[in-house]
Amino acid sequence: MSPTREQELWALTLWVEKHHGEDGTAYIAERIEHFTTTGESGGVALWEGVAQRFASLGMVADEQSH
């Protein structure tokens, strides 16, 4: 069975978290800027989805620390 788009987005999000940690937001912004500059709307949409999920990871971490 192939992974769903949602699973792919979460896999990429978790990869960013693992490899970039707190700098993940900046890395994601760089990817969005790259694909915006090159006119690749699919890449922009992909990384915007990653950005939303990455932000939600931060919200979960904040809730768990309180």
Foldseek 3Di string as FASTA:
>chain_A
DDDDLVVVLVVVLVVLCVPPNPCSLVVLVVQLVVCVVVVNVVSNVSSVSSNVVNVVVVVVVVVVVD
